[in-house]
Protein backbone atom coordinates (compact mmCIF):
# COMPACT_ATOMS: atom_id res chain seq x y z
CA MET A 1 0.02 0.01 0.00
CA LEU A 2 2.86 2.38 0.76
CA ARG A 3 5.76 3.29 -1.51
CA ARG A 4 5.20 0.62 -4.13
CA VAL A 5 7.62 0.86 -7.00
CA LEU A 6 6.84 0.80 -10.72
CA THR A 7 9.40 0.21 -13.44
CA VAL A 8 7.75 2.43 -16.06
CA VAL A 9 4.78 4.77 -15.82
CA VAL A 10 2.97 5.90 -18.98
CA ALA A 11 -0.14 7.99 -18.77
CA GLY A 12 -0.76 6.86 -15.21
CA CYS A 13 -0.52 3.13 -15.92
CA ALA A 14 2.12 0.68 -14.75
CA LEU A 15 3.84 -1.20 -17.59
CA ALA A 16 6.56 -3.84 -17.46
CA PRO A 17 9.66 -2.95 -19.48
CA ILE A 18 9.70 -4.54 -22.93
CA ALA A 19 13.06 -5.21 -24.48
CA ILE A 20 13.14 -5.94 -28.26
CA GLY A 21 16.66 -6.12 -29.57
CA ALA A 22 17.88 -4.43 -26.44
CA PRO A 23 21.62 -4.24 -25.92
CA ALA A 24 23.22 -6.55 -23.43
CA LEU A 25 23.89 -3.68 -21.00
CA ALA A 26 20.64 -1.76 -21.21
CA ALA A 27 20.14 1.05 -18.73
CA PRO A 28 17.84 0.17 -15.79
CA ALA A 29 14.27 1.23 -16.05
CA PRO A 30 13.37 4.30 -14.05
CA ARG A 31 12.01 3.66 -10.58
CA VAL A 32 8.84 5.50 -9.66
CA VAL A 33 7.64 5.57 -6.04
CA LEU A 34 3.88 5.44 -5.89
CA PRO A 35 1.90 7.61 -3.40
CA SER A 36 0.39 6.08 -0.25
CA SER A 37 -2.67 4.90 -2.14
CA GLY A 38 -0.53 2.59 -4.24
CA CYS A 39 -2.32 3.92 -7.32
CA ALA A 40 -0.45 5.08 -10.39
CA ASN A 41 -3.30 7.35 -11.36
CA ASP A 42 -2.62 9.39 -8.21
CA LEU A 43 0.81 10.36 -9.51
CA PRO A 44 1.21 13.86 -10.90
CA GLN A 45 0.31 13.63 -14.58
CA PRO A 46 2.58 15.14 -17.26
CA PRO A 47 1.00 17.94 -19.26
CA SER A 48 -0.83 16.65 -22.26
CA PRO A 49 0.27 17.82 -25.70
CA GLY A 50 -1.57 20.98 -26.34
CA SER A 51 -1.77 24.05 -28.41
CA PRO A 52 1.42 26.04 -28.92
CA LEU A 53 -0.56 29.10 -27.87
CA PRO A 54 0.63 30.74 -24.64
CA GLN A 55 -1.35 29.75 -21.55
CA VAL A 56 -3.48 32.85 -20.83
CA PRO A 57 -6.08 32.67 -18.07
CA PRO A 58 -9.62 32.85 -19.49
CA ARG A 59 -10.48 35.59 -16.95
CA ILE A 60 -8.63 38.33 -15.09
CA ASP A 61 -10.56 39.47 -12.01
CA PHE A 62 -9.95 42.76 -10.25
CA ASN A 63 -11.13 42.91 -6.66
CA VAL A 64 -12.75 46.03 -5.26
CA PRO A 65 -12.51 45.99 -1.44
CA TYR A 66 -15.39 47.08 0.75
CA LEU A 67 -16.57 46.82 4.32
CA LYS A 68 -19.28 44.15 4.70
CA LEU A 69 -21.93 44.19 7.45
CA GLN A 70 -23.01 40.60 8.00
CA PRO A 71 -26.41 39.97 9.73
CA VAL A 72 -25.96 37.20 12.32
CA PRO A 73 -29.30 35.76 13.57
CA GLN A 74 -29.67 34.99 17.24
CA PHE A 75 -29.83 31.25 16.58
CA GLY A 76 -27.20 29.69 14.37
CA PRO A 77 -27.53 26.79 11.96
CA GLN A 78 -28.46 23.43 13.42
CA ASN A 79 -26.55 20.22 12.95
CA SER A 80 -27.71 18.45 9.81
CA ARG A 81 -29.40 15.06 10.23
CA LYS A 82 -29.30 14.20 6.52
CA ARG A 83 -27.34 10.95 6.11
CA ILE A 84 -26.91 8.07 3.66
CA PRO A 85 -25.36 4.68 4.47
CA SER A 86 -21.61 4.86 4.39
CA GLN A 87 -20.33 3.42 1.16
CA PRO A 88 -17.71 0.68 1.29
CA ALA A 89 -14.43 1.00 -0.55
CA PRO A 90 -14.49 -0.05 -4.24
CA LYS A 91 -13.16 -3.55 -5.05
CA ASP A 92 -10.55 -1.84 -7.19
CA PRO A 93 -9.01 0.68 -4.78
CA CYS A 94 -7.61 2.69 -7.66
CA LYS A 95 -10.93 3.13 -9.37
CA ASP A 96 -12.82 6.40 -8.82
CA PRO A 97 -16.27 5.46 -7.42
CA CYS A 98 -17.79 8.82 -8.39
CA PRO A 99 -16.03 10.15 -11.51
CA ASP A 100 -19.09 12.31 -12.29
CA ILE A 101 -18.62 14.13 -8.95
CA THR A 102 -14.94 14.10 -8.14
CA ASP A 103 -13.22 14.33 -11.52
CA PRO A 104 -12.80 18.02 -12.44
CA PRO A 105 -14.01 18.96 -15.94
CA LYS A 106 -11.27 19.21 -18.51
CA PRO A 107 -10.43 22.79 -19.33
CA ALA A 108 -11.90 24.01 -22.59
CA ALA A 109 -9.49 24.66 -25.42
CA GLN A 110 -8.52 28.25 -25.76
CA VAL A 111 -9.73 29.89 -28.94
CA PRO A 112 -7.55 32.54 -30.52
CA THR A 113 -9.42 35.80 -30.55
CA GLY A 114 -6.76 38.49 -30.65
CA SER A 115 -4.10 39.60 -33.07
CA GLY A 116 -1.26 37.17 -33.43
CA ASN A 117 -3.44 34.24 -32.37
CA ILE A 118 -3.11 35.20 -28.69
CA PRO A 119 -6.30 34.58 -26.58
CA ILE A 120 -7.80 37.63 -24.93
CA PRO A 121 -8.97 37.01 -21.36
CA LYS A 122 -12.23 38.39 -20.10
CA ILE A 123 -11.79 41.31 -17.66
CA THR A 124 -14.11 41.29 -14.61
CA ILE A 125 -14.46 43.50 -11.53
CA THR A 126 -15.67 41.81 -8.34
CA PRO A 127 -16.45 43.54 -5.05
CA ARG A 128 -14.80 41.58 -2.19
CA PRO A 129 -15.00 42.40 1.53
CA PHE A 130 -11.72 43.35 3.15
CA LEU A 131 -13.41 43.11 6.58
CA THR A 132 -16.72 41.52 7.64
CA LEU A 133 -18.43 42.88 10.72
CA PRO A 134 -21.14 40.74 12.26
CA VAL A 135 -24.39 42.55 13.14
CA PRO A 136 -26.65 40.67 15.61
CA VAL A 137 -30.24 40.41 14.49
CA PRO A 138 -33.23 38.47 15.69
CA GLY A 139 -34.14 35.25 14.00
CA GLY A 140 -32.84 31.85 13.21
CA THR A 141 -34.28 28.51 14.29
CA PRO A 142 -33.92 27.80 18.02
CA PRO A 143 -32.59 24.34 18.83
CA PRO A 144 -34.85 21.87 20.62
CA GLY A 145 -34.73 22.45 24.35
CA GLN A 146 -32.72 20.20 26.62
CA ALA A 147 -33.41 19.40 30.22
CA ARG A 148 -31.14 21.33 32.51
CA PRO A 149 -28.99 18.88 34.54
CA PRO A 150 -29.56 18.99 38.27
CA ARG A 151 -27.27 21.17 40.33
CA LEU A 152 -24.62 18.99 42.01
CA ILE A 153 -22.13 19.96 44.69
CA PRO A 154 -19.39 17.34 44.57
CA GLY A 155 -17.32 18.93 47.28
CA THR A 156 -13.56 19.22 47.66
CA THR A 157 -11.49 16.00 47.60
CA PRO A 158 -7.86 15.82 48.70
CA GLY A 159 -5.48 14.45 46.08
CA SER A 160 -1.88 13.45 45.66
CA VAL A 161 0.72 13.28 42.88
CA THR A 162 2.91 10.46 41.67
CA PRO A 163 6.71 10.75 41.42
CA LYS A 164 8.03 12.50 38.37
CA LEU A 165 9.11 10.11 35.61
CA PRO A 166 12.35 10.52 33.66
CA ASN A 167 12.07 12.08 30.28
CA PRO A 168 10.76 9.50 27.80
CA ARG A 169 13.24 8.45 25.14
CA ALA A 170 12.12 8.44 21.52
CA GLY A 171 13.90 7.75 18.24
CA GLY A 172 13.55 6.41 14.71
CA LEU A 173 10.77 8.69 13.54
CA ASN A 174 9.24 7.23 10.47
CA TYR A 175 6.76 8.68 7.99
CA VAL A 176 4.25 5.87 7.47
CA ALA A 177 1.67 7.09 4.97
CA GLN A 178 -0.55 9.94 3.93
CA LEU A 179 -3.94 9.62 5.55
CA THR A 180 -6.02 12.21 3.66
CA GLY A 181 -6.17 13.97 0.33
CA LYS A 182 -4.95 13.11 -3.11
CA GLY A 183 -2.75 9.94 -3.06
CA SER A 184 -3.77 9.01 0.50
CA THR A 185 -4.12 5.42 1.65
CA SER A 186 -7.96 5.58 1.33
CA ARG A 187 -8.14 8.13 -1.50
CA THR A 188 -10.36 10.38 0.56
CA ASP A 189 -10.52 12.93 -2.27
CA LYS A 190 -12.17 10.42 -4.61
CA ARG A 191 -14.31 8.56 -2.04
CA PHE A 192 -15.45 11.38 0.26
CA GLN A 193 -14.47 14.69 -1.38
CA VAL A 194 -11.97 15.28 1.41
CA ASN A 195 -9.25 16.95 -0.66
CA GLY A 196 -7.71 18.98 2.12
CA THR A 197 -8.14 18.73 5.88
CA ASP A 198 -6.19 18.59 9.16
CA LEU A 199 -5.91 17.14 12.69
CA GLY A 200 -6.97 13.49 12.62
CA ILE A 201 -8.14 13.12 16.25
CA MET A 202 -8.60 9.44 17.15
CA TRP A 203 -10.42 7.46 19.82
CA LYS A 204 -11.84 3.97 20.25
CA ALA A 205 -15.45 4.13 19.13
CA THR A 206 -15.78 0.41 19.87
CA PRO A 207 -13.11 -2.01 21.10
CA ASN A 208 -12.19 -2.83 17.49
CA LYS A 209 -12.96 0.45 15.65
CA VAL A 210 -11.30 3.77 15.76
CA ALA A 211 -13.04 7.09 15.09
CA VAL A 212 -11.02 9.72 13.26
CA ALA A 213 -12.16 13.35 13.42
CA PHE A 214 -10.90 16.05 11.08
CA GLY A 215 -11.03 19.84 11.24
CA ASP A 216 -11.87 22.27 8.48
CA THR A 217 -12.33 20.16 5.36
CA PHE A 218 -12.36 21.23 1.72
CA GLY A 219 -13.35 19.52 -1.52
CA ARG A 220 -13.08 20.63 -5.17
CA GLY A 221 -10.90 23.70 -5.70
CA PHE A 222 -8.54 22.85 -2.84
CA ARG A 223 -4.97 23.84 -3.61
CA PRO A 224 -2.19 23.65 -1.00
CA PRO A 225 -0.81 25.34 0.98
CA GLY A 226 -3.36 26.06 3.68
CA ALA A 227 -7.05 25.82 4.23
CA ASN A 228 -8.81 26.87 1.05
CA GLY A 229 -11.11 25.72 -1.70
CA GLY A 230 -14.83 24.92 -2.11
CA ASP A 231 -17.24 22.71 -0.19
CA TRP A 232 -16.06 23.89 3.21
CA ARG A 233 -17.07 21.64 6.10
CA SER A 234 -16.04 22.60 9.57
CA ASN A 235 -15.47 19.02 10.62
CA THR A 236 -15.81 15.47 9.30
CA LEU A 237 -15.55 11.98 10.81
CA GLY A 238 -14.22 8.64 9.55
CA PHE A 239 -13.83 5.14 11.01
CA SER A 240 -11.05 2.59 10.74
CA ALA A 241 -10.72 -1.02 11.85
CA ASP A 242 -7.13 -1.21 10.53
CA THR A 243 -4.78 -2.80 13.08
CA LYS A 244 -1.77 -3.13 10.75
CA LEU A 245 -0.52 0.39 10.95
CA ALA A 246 3.04 -0.21 9.79
CA ASP A 247 1.96 0.13 6.12
CA GLY A 248 -0.54 2.88 6.67
CA MET A 249 -4.03 3.34 8.09
CA SER A 250 -7.12 2.78 6.01
CA ILE A 251 -10.28 4.79 6.52
CA ASP A 252 -13.02 2.25 5.98
CA THR A 253 -15.97 4.62 5.94
CA MET A 254 -16.90 8.23 6.69
CA VAL A 255 -20.13 9.77 7.84
CA GLN A 256 -21.81 10.82 4.60
CA ASP A 257 -24.77 13.00 3.63
CA SER A 258 -24.66 12.27 -0.07
CA ARG A 259 -22.87 10.03 -2.55
CA CYS A 260 -19.07 10.29 -2.14
CA HIS A 261 -19.39 13.20 0.23
CA ALA A 262 -18.32 13.38 3.91
CA ALA A 263 -20.86 15.19 6.04
CA GLU A 264 -20.29 18.11 8.41
CA LEU A 265 -21.15 16.92 11.95
CA ILE A 266 -21.31 20.14 14.02
CA ALA A 267 -22.59 23.14 12.18
CA SER A 268 -21.03 26.58 12.31
CA ARG A 269 -22.04 30.07 11.24
CA LYS A 270 -18.89 30.50 9.14
CA VAL A 271 -18.86 34.23 9.91
CA ASN A 272 -15.62 35.77 11.10
CA TYR A 273 -15.82 37.54 14.49
CA ALA A 274 -19.07 35.72 15.24
CA GLU A 275 -18.33 31.99 14.72
CA GLN A 276 -15.90 31.18 11.99
CA THR A 277 -15.84 27.45 12.50
CA THR A 278 -16.33 24.61 15.01
CA ILE A 279 -13.37 22.21 15.33
CA PRO A 280 -13.11 18.88 17.21
CA THR A 281 -10.50 18.67 19.97
CA SER A 282 -10.99 15.06 21.26
CA GLY A 283 -13.40 12.18 21.44
CA PHE A 284 -14.26 9.19 23.59
CA ALA A 285 -16.97 6.55 24.09
CA ILE A 286 -18.84 5.49 27.15
CA GLY A 287 -21.01 2.50 26.46
CA ASN A 288 -22.87 2.99 23.22
CA ARG A 289 -22.63 6.80 23.37
CA GLN A 290 -19.94 8.74 21.52
CA TYR A 291 -18.72 12.08 22.89
CA MET A 292 -16.72 14.77 21.14
CA SER A 293 -15.20 17.89 22.63
CA TYR A 294 -15.00 20.86 20.26
CA MET A 295 -14.24 24.55 20.20
CA SER A 296 -16.35 27.30 18.67
CA ILE A 297 -13.84 29.65 17.09
CA ASN A 298 -14.68 33.34 16.94
CA ASN A 299 -11.75 34.32 14.72
CA PHE A 300 -8.20 33.46 13.76
CA THR A 301 -5.63 36.13 14.59
CA LEU A 302 -1.87 35.55 14.27
CA PRO A 303 -0.63 32.27 12.86
CA GLY A 304 -1.21 29.57 15.44
CA GLN A 305 -3.47 31.78 17.49
CA TRP A 306 -7.26 32.02 17.62
CA PHE A 307 -10.04 33.26 19.91
CA THR A 308 -12.85 30.97 20.88
CA ASN A 309 -16.43 31.65 21.95
CA TYR A 310 -16.47 28.53 24.10
CA GLY A 311 -15.30 24.94 24.46
CA GLY A 312 -18.15 22.52 24.36
CA LEU A 313 -19.31 18.89 24.23
CA ALA A 314 -21.48 17.06 21.74
CA TRP A 315 -22.77 13.53 21.81
CA SER A 316 -24.05 10.85 19.40
CA ASP A 317 -26.26 7.86 20.15
CA ASP A 318 -26.16 6.40 16.62
CA GLY A 319 -22.53 5.41 16.38
CA GLY A 320 -21.24 8.89 15.43
CA SER A 321 -23.59 9.51 12.50
CA THR A 322 -25.53 12.47 13.92
CA TRP A 323 -24.54 14.75 16.84
CA THR A 324 -26.26 16.92 19.43
CA ASN A 325 -24.48 19.89 21.00
CA SER A 326 -24.92 20.12 24.75
CA GLN A 327 -26.51 23.38 25.78
CA TYR A 328 -25.06 23.20 29.30
CA ALA A 329 -21.68 21.42 29.09
CA ARG A 330 -19.72 24.32 27.67
CA TRP A 331 -16.94 26.50 29.03
CA ASP A 332 -17.40 30.14 27.95
CA ASN A 333 -14.33 32.09 27.05
CA MET A 334 -14.32 35.07 29.43
CA PHE A 335 -12.24 37.92 27.98
CA GLY A 336 -10.26 35.42 25.83
CA LEU A 337 -8.47 34.04 28.87
CA ALA A 338 -10.64 31.12 30.03
CA ASN A 339 -9.23 27.64 30.35
CA PHE A 340 -10.62 24.41 28.83
CA GLN A 341 -11.21 25.95 25.39
CA VAL A 342 -9.09 23.27 23.73
CA SER A 343 -9.68 20.05 25.61
CA SER A 344 -8.59 16.41 25.45
CA MET A 345 -10.95 14.15 27.37
CA VAL A 346 -10.03 10.63 28.55
CA PRO A 347 -12.26 8.12 30.39
CA GLN A 348 -10.39 6.04 32.99
CA GLY A 349 -11.94 4.11 35.89
CA ASP A 350 -14.86 5.98 37.44
CA TYR A 351 -14.06 9.31 35.90
CA VAL A 352 -13.55 11.16 32.66
CA TYR A 353 -10.48 13.42 32.87
CA MET A 354 -10.48 16.66 30.96
CA PHE A 355 -7.13 18.19 30.10
CA GLY A 356 -7.51 21.71 28.77
CA THR A 357 -5.74 24.83 27.59
CA PRO A 358 -6.88 28.37 26.74
CA ASN A 359 -7.47 29.24 23.07
CA GLY A 360 -4.44 29.15 20.80
CA ARG A 361 -1.18 27.30 21.29
CA LEU A 362 0.53 29.32 24.03
CA GLY A 363 -1.28 28.33 27.25
CA SER A 364 -0.53 25.85 30.01
CA THR A 365 -2.52 22.69 30.64
CA GLY A 366 -5.16 22.40 33.40
CA LEU A 367 -7.06 19.35 34.57
CA ALA A 368 -10.64 18.47 35.60
CA ARG A 369 -12.50 15.27 36.30
CA VAL A 370 -16.15 14.18 36.26
CA PRO A 371 -17.95 10.89 37.09
CA THR A 372 -18.67 8.99 33.90
CA ALA A 373 -22.44 9.22 34.46
CA ASP A 374 -22.31 13.00 34.72
CA VAL A 375 -20.23 14.03 31.70
CA LEU A 376 -22.85 16.45 30.42
CA ASN A 377 -23.45 18.05 33.85
CA LYS A 378 -20.97 20.88 34.25
CA SER A 379 -21.76 21.26 37.97
CA ALA A 380 -20.37 17.72 38.57
CA TYR A 381 -16.88 18.66 37.49
CA GLN A 382 -13.96 19.04 39.90
CA TYR A 383 -10.80 20.92 38.94
CA TRP A 384 -7.24 20.16 40.08
CA ILE A 385 -6.31 23.20 42.16
CA ASN A 386 -3.33 23.25 44.54
CA GLY A 387 -3.33 19.54 45.18
CA LYS A 388 -7.10 19.10 45.64
CA TRP A 389 -10.09 18.33 43.44
CA VAL A 390 -12.24 21.43 43.79
CA PRO A 391 -15.69 22.30 42.32
CA THR A 392 -15.72 25.71 40.64
CA ASN A 393 -17.75 27.46 37.98
CA ASN A 394 -15.56 27.51 34.91
CA GLY A 395 -12.20 26.11 35.96
CA GLU A 396 -10.44 29.50 35.76
CA ASN A 397 -8.25 28.70 38.77
CA ALA A 398 -7.16 25.19 37.71
CA SER A 399 -3.43 24.69 38.54
CA PRO A 400 -1.19 23.91 35.56
CA ILE A 401 -0.17 20.28 35.53
CA PHE A 402 2.56 21.27 33.11
CA GLY A 403 3.49 24.53 31.55
CA GLY A 404 3.03 25.77 28.04
CA PRO A 405 3.17 26.53 25.27
CA THR A 406 0.72 23.73 24.57
CA GLY A 407 -0.97 23.32 21.15
CA GLU A 408 -3.46 20.64 20.00
CA LEU A 409 -3.15 18.51 23.07
CA SER A 410 -3.72 14.77 22.75
CA VAL A 411 -3.82 12.61 25.95
CA ARG A 412 -4.40 8.91 26.46
CA TYR A 413 -4.06 6.24 29.11
CA GLU A 414 -2.02 3.20 28.08
CA GLU A 415 -3.61 0.45 30.11
CA LYS A 416 -0.97 -2.26 29.76
CA SER A 417 1.86 -0.09 31.06
CA GLY A 418 -0.28 2.15 33.29
CA LEU A 419 1.18 5.21 31.64
CA TRP A 420 -0.48 8.47 30.85
CA GLN A 421 0.88 10.00 27.66
CA ALA A 422 0.41 13.52 26.30
CA THR A 423 1.52 14.77 22.92
CA TYR A 424 1.21 18.36 21.68
CA LEU A 425 2.91 21.08 19.64
CA ASP A 426 5.45 23.14 21.53
CA VAL A 427 5.96 26.23 19.37
CA LEU A 428 9.08 27.33 21.24
CA ARG A 429 10.77 24.01 20.62
CA GLY A 430 9.31 23.88 17.11
CA ALA A 431 8.33 20.27 17.66
CA ILE A 432 5.57 17.84 18.57
CA VAL A 433 6.55 16.54 21.99
CA LEU A 434 5.71 13.75 24.42
CA ARG A 435 5.29 13.80 28.19
CA GLN A 436 4.45 10.86 30.52
CA SER A 437 3.06 10.36 34.00
CA ARG A 438 1.71 7.71 36.32
CA SER A 439 -1.39 9.81 37.12
CA PRO A 440 -3.44 12.41 35.26
CA GLN A 441 -2.52 15.13 37.78
CA GLY A 442 1.20 14.26 37.54
CA LEU A 443 3.87 14.81 38.21
CA TRP A 444 4.53 14.79 34.49
CA SER A 445 7.90 14.23 32.87
CA GLU A 446 9.68 16.93 30.93
CA PRO A 447 8.93 16.96 27.19
CA THR A 448 10.78 14.90 24.63
CA ASN A 449 10.81 15.86 20.96
CA LEU A 450 9.03 13.50 18.59
CA MET A 451 8.82 15.45 15.29
CA SER A 452 10.47 18.73 14.37
CA SER A 453 9.07 21.56 12.35
CA ALA A 454 12.65 22.17 11.04
CA ARG A 455 12.21 19.03 8.93
CA TYR A 456 8.39 19.32 8.51
CA PRO A 457 7.70 23.05 8.09
CA GLN A 458 4.47 24.53 9.50
CA LEU A 459 3.88 21.42 11.61
CA TYR A 460 1.05 21.00 14.09
CA GLY A 461 -1.20 18.36 15.58
CA GLY A 462 0.25 15.17 16.97
CA PHE A 463 -2.76 12.96 17.88
CA ILE A 464 -2.06 9.52 19.31
CA HIS A 465 -3.55 6.40 17.71
CA PRO A 466 -5.32 4.35 20.39
CA PHE A 467 -3.82 1.12 19.11
CA SER A 468 -0.30 2.38 19.96
CA THR A 469 1.70 0.70 22.72
CA ASP A 470 4.04 2.28 25.19
CA LYS A 471 6.92 1.24 22.91
CA ASP A 472 5.42 1.86 19.49
CA LEU A 473 3.73 5.27 19.16
CA TYR A 474 1.66 5.99 16.08
CA PHE A 475 0.35 9.53 15.69
CA THR A 476 -1.19 11.85 13.13
CA ALA A 477 0.42 15.13 12.15
CA THR A 478 -0.48 17.99 9.79
CA THR A 479 1.68 20.43 7.86
CA TYR A 480 -0.01 23.59 6.78
CA THR A 481 2.05 23.45 3.60
CA SER A 482 0.21 20.34 2.48
CA TYR A 483 -2.91 20.83 4.62
CA ASN A 484 -3.42 17.10 4.89
CA VAL A 485 -2.85 14.53 7.55
CA ASP A 486 0.00 12.05 7.71
CA LEU A 487 0.49 8.94 9.93
CA MET A 488 3.79 8.84 11.77
CA HIS A 489 5.59 6.21 13.87
CA ILE A 490 8.28 6.47 16.53
CA ARG A 491 9.79 4.06 19.06
CA THR A 492 9.56 5.15 22.66
CA ASN A 493 10.78 3.78 26.06
């Protein structure tokens, strides 16, 4: 599946070398490394023989900037419930299951219209906003009401920490395969119109199936670098039962709302300075219910920084197909400084532990816990404050269990070894790092570099695959340059 080698590639097809009257010492055939999909038709195609005319764009567009006032109704869009059964992979993995949808139309031949047989492009003027200001207005469809959870007073519980572990050792970083986009192991561009996306947050949806959540997702028109293109979905979700990760990770299905199209799970307004997007931060399962933490992003500021409206929870009772946003389990972002805006939630024993940071990638990590039966009841949460589990309103005073800068935190409990592991982007180190502890509240080890942005520019993410062991760590990573997700492997001890 990964890095298969062809001897000769012609027009996207693999051909064996044919020698007719070849000399005894013929030059070796060129070696071509296939993309992660193993499909020759995912290789970059050479330009087809065309007209000798110069390549002139059919249209030249001049933008006229203006200030746009965007009405924002009181109630935002509701999560879509439109779904179709997830379509299995085609028997021929290199065959496009929806060529009528995913194959872009071939460009029309340019017709000479000017002197000297040079095409003349059409000149257009398009008004484009340089700044959009949201204006609150009445309206929108209110969501169905939810019963308010009962007010609980869990009290203060003394706690203790475990001895600090030595820094974990890690080495032999290996790029395994591309997980999303053109040329990916599961050809997500052709099967689900996931041409560009990021994150790849994983959790055990069932004992034998892993859920994989992605952030802002784009379809036709996507061109790296960065998040761009058409068919913008704030989040998408796939599933994988692949246990042989050494040659890549297959995405068996994705939640779909139409043929060859991954659905958006949690709706967003898509209005800057109101709610630009809603992005998953972690997921977990308790019984037959799936949970996903997410952040409602108000706006992106500097690279790697953003402001949130709140961090929230959503749940699904149909295996992750449709989702309901909790109206009460949310942590509002007071003055842009609140904690638990970007959360990683892990069930262990009688509790679900919530590791959280402020918005962006510069904050430290706080900790809360809640009984598994009360995940959606915010009043049942206790926060780790100065060596005790303390109930408080929003967790503002939670003690850092380790300092920042912490970006895109991923935490898991490795049951066999009894280790807690946390990976995240440390922007000062310029690396995805790993810390370990014997308890969620620590003491945590110092960070160890896993993957450097010096080698992988504009790196972020670092989400642990739940089938990893304490010695073999598989994780997803994103580079903004490609704006797609890769699977990585490293040895740890």
